[in-house]
Amino acid sequence: MTGYVGTPATDGAVSAFTGSDGTLAIYSRNSADSHLQLTYIANNSGTWTTTDLTTSVGTRSRPAPRPPCSSRPTAPWASSPRTRPTATSR
């Protein structure tokens, strides 16, 4: 869509909806500045429109989500093996 419609490159966060009137709306987050973009085609009119909702509405941009827990570094104490106390013989 970036080359065809002119929507900025996305960071992968994309949602699409179709309205009851046939309008196709695609919401995405701009990978350069984390702004929310709306790209839509009204009722198959043949004309795509893209709008920076963050700028036009005046909201703050939201940073990209953090990676899943499995790819985050572990806490220092989590990397060392746990030892169990052993029973001593009497």
C-alpha atoms as a PDB file:
ATOM      1  CA  MET A   1       0.000   0.000   0.000  1.00  0.00           C
ATOM      2  CA  THR A   2       2.918   2.328   0.593  1.00  0.00           C
ATOM      3  CA  GLY A   3       3.767   2.523  -3.108  1.00  0.00           C
ATOM      4  CA  TYR A   4       0.231   2.311  -4.468  1.00  0.00           C
ATOM      5  CA  VAL A   5      -1.693   4.548  -2.064  1.00  0.00           C
ATOM      6  CA  GLY A   6       1.051   6.573  -0.356  1.00  0.00           C
ATOM      7  CA  THR A   7       0.478   5.255   3.140  1.00  0.00           C
ATOM      8  CA  PRO A   8       3.687   5.394   5.228  1.00  0.00           C
ATOM      9  CA  ALA A   9       5.419   2.108   5.979  1.00  0.00           C
ATOM     10  CA  THR A  10       3.830   0.285   8.894  1.00  0.00           C
ATOM     11  CA  ASP A  11       5.435  -1.436  11.854  1.00  0.00           C
ATOM     12  CA  GLY A  12       3.126  -4.418  11.338  1.00  0.00           C
ATOM     13  CA  ALA A  13       0.210  -3.275  13.491  1.00  0.00           C
ATOM     14  CA  VAL A  14      -2.655  -3.263  10.966  1.00  0.00           C
ATOM     15  CA  SER A  15      -6.449  -3.604  11.310  1.00  0.00           C
ATOM     16  CA  ALA A  16      -9.073  -3.420   8.571  1.00  0.00           C
ATOM     17  CA  PHE A  17     -12.822  -2.872   8.715  1.00  0.00           C
ATOM     18  CA  THR A  18     -15.625  -2.685   6.170  1.00  0.00           C
ATOM     19  CA  GLY A  19     -18.452  -0.266   6.920  1.00  0.00           C
ATOM     20  CA  SER A  20     -22.100  -0.964   6.184  1.00  0.00           C
ATOM     21  CA  ASP A  21     -21.855   1.465   3.246  1.00  0.00           C
ATOM     22  CA  GLY A  22     -19.005  -0.537   1.677  1.00  0.00           C
ATOM     23  CA  THR A  23     -16.172   1.729   2.849  1.00  0.00           C
ATOM     24  CA  LEU A  24     -12.946  -0.194   3.471  1.00  0.00           C
ATOM     25  CA  ALA A  25     -10.897   1.364   6.307  1.00  0.00           C
ATOM     26  CA  ILE A  26      -7.366   0.253   7.168  1.00  0.00           C
ATOM     27  CA  TYR A  27      -5.736   1.443  10.373  1.00  0.00           C
ATOM     28  CA  SER A  28      -1.973   1.142  10.728  1.00  0.00           C
ATOM     29  CA  ARG A  29       0.872   2.537  12.809  1.00  0.00           C
ATOM     30  CA  ASN A  30       3.603   4.451  10.967  1.00  0.00           C
ATOM     31  CA  SER A  31       6.959   2.738  11.545  1.00  0.00           C
ATOM     32  CA  ALA A  32       8.882   6.041  11.467  1.00  0.00           C
ATOM     33  CA  ASP A  33       6.976   8.036  14.101  1.00  0.00           C
ATOM     34  CA  SER A  34       4.369   5.623  15.580  1.00  0.00           C
ATOM     35  CA  HIS A  35       1.492   7.817  14.365  1.00  0.00           C
ATOM     36  CA  LEU A  36      -1.880   6.166  13.745  1.00  0.00           C
ATOM     37  CA  GLN A  37      -2.761   6.215  10.039  1.00  0.00           C
ATOM     38  CA  LEU A  38      -6.202   5.766   8.470  1.00  0.00           C
ATOM     39  CA  THR A  39      -6.293   4.693   4.832  1.00  0.00           C
ATOM     40  CA  TYR A  40      -9.690   4.179   3.260  1.00  0.00           C
ATOM     41  CA  ILE A  41     -11.608   3.814   0.018  1.00  0.00           C
ATOM     42  CA  ALA A  42     -15.201   5.023   0.211  1.00  0.00           C
ATOM     43  CA  ASN A  43     -17.756   2.615  -1.233  1.00  0.00           C
ATOM     44  CA  ASN A  44     -15.437   1.351  -3.979  1.00  0.00           C
ATOM     45  CA  SER A  45     -15.051   4.893  -5.355  1.00  0.00           C
ATOM     46  CA  GLY A  46     -11.620   4.034  -6.734  1.00  0.00           C
ATOM     47  CA  THR A  47      -9.959   6.807  -4.734  1.00  0.00           C
ATOM     48  CA  TRP A  48      -7.836   5.921  -1.734  1.00  0.00           C
ATOM     49  CA  THR A  49      -7.339   8.512   0.993  1.00  0.00           C
ATOM     50  CA  THR A  50      -4.775   8.389   3.784  1.00  0.00           C
ATOM     51  CA  THR A  51      -4.859  10.512   6.927  1.00  0.00           C
ATOM     52  CA  ASP A  52      -2.461  10.864   9.843  1.00  0.00           C
ATOM     53  CA  LEU A  53      -4.967  10.614  12.693  1.00  0.00           C
ATOM     54  CA  THR A  54      -2.373  11.395  15.353  1.00  0.00           C
ATOM     55  CA  THR A  55      -1.653  14.785  13.771  1.00  0.00           C
ATOM     56  CA  SER A  56      -5.179  15.653  12.642  1.00  0.00           C
ATOM     57  CA  VAL A  57      -6.803  14.828  15.989  1.00  0.00           C
ATOM     58  CA  GLY A  58      -3.876  15.982  18.129  1.00  0.00           C
ATOM     59  CA  THR A  59      -3.291  12.829  20.137  1.00  0.00           C
ATOM     60  CA  ARG A  60       0.068  11.553  21.329  1.00  0.00           C
ATOM     61  CA  SER A  61       1.790   8.869  19.329  1.00  0.00           C
ATOM     62  CA  ARG A  62       2.000   5.492  20.956  1.00  0.00           C
ATOM     63  CA  PRO A  63       5.290   3.618  20.935  1.00  0.00           C
ATOM     64  CA  ALA A  64       5.504   0.258  19.244  1.00  0.00           C
ATOM     65  CA  PRO A  65       4.683  -2.669  21.546  1.00  0.00           C
ATOM     66  CA  ARG A  66       7.443  -4.417  23.421  1.00  0.00           C
ATOM     67  CA  PRO A  67       8.570  -7.813  22.140  1.00  0.00           C
ATOM     68  CA  PRO A  68       6.995 -10.936  23.636  1.00  0.00           C
ATOM     69  CA  CYS A  69       8.329 -12.122  26.985  1.00  0.00           C
ATOM     70  CA  SER A  70      10.255 -14.997  25.407  1.00  0.00           C
ATOM     71  CA  SER A  71      12.566 -12.590  23.569  1.00  0.00           C
ATOM     72  CA  ARG A  72      13.253 -10.289  26.509  1.00  0.00           C
ATOM     73  CA  PRO A  73      16.421 -10.757  28.503  1.00  0.00           C
ATOM     74  CA  THR A  74      15.949 -12.713  31.668  1.00  0.00           C
ATOM     75  CA  ALA A  75      16.638 -11.363  35.104  1.00  0.00           C
ATOM     76  CA  PRO A  76      20.162 -12.127  36.403  1.00  0.00           C
ATOM     77  CA  TRP A  77      18.862 -14.390  39.142  1.00  0.00           C
ATOM     78  CA  ALA A  78      16.798 -16.420  36.660  1.00  0.00           C
ATOM     79  CA  SER A  79      19.856 -17.622  34.748  1.00  0.00           C
ATOM     80  CA  SER A  80      21.548 -19.354  37.659  1.00  0.00           C
ATOM     81  CA  PRO A  81      20.279 -22.824  38.510  1.00  0.00           C
ATOM     82  CA  ARG A  82      18.374 -23.099  41.737  1.00  0.00           C
ATOM     83  CA  THR A  83      19.783 -25.409  44.288  1.00  0.00           C
ATOM     84  CA  ARG A  84      17.729 -27.288  46.792  1.00  0.00           C
ATOM     85  CA  PRO A  85      18.918 -27.721  50.310  1.00  0.00           C
ATOM     86  CA  THR A  86      20.034 -31.257  50.903  1.00  0.00           C
ATOM     87  CA  ALA A  87      19.342 -33.240  54.009  1.00  0.00           C
ATOM     88  CA  THR A  88      22.442 -33.905  56.061  1.00  0.00           C
ATOM     89  CA  SER A  89      22.985 -37.266  57.580  1.00  0.00           C
ATOM     90  CA  ARG A  90      23.114 -37.530  61.336  1.00  0.00           C
END
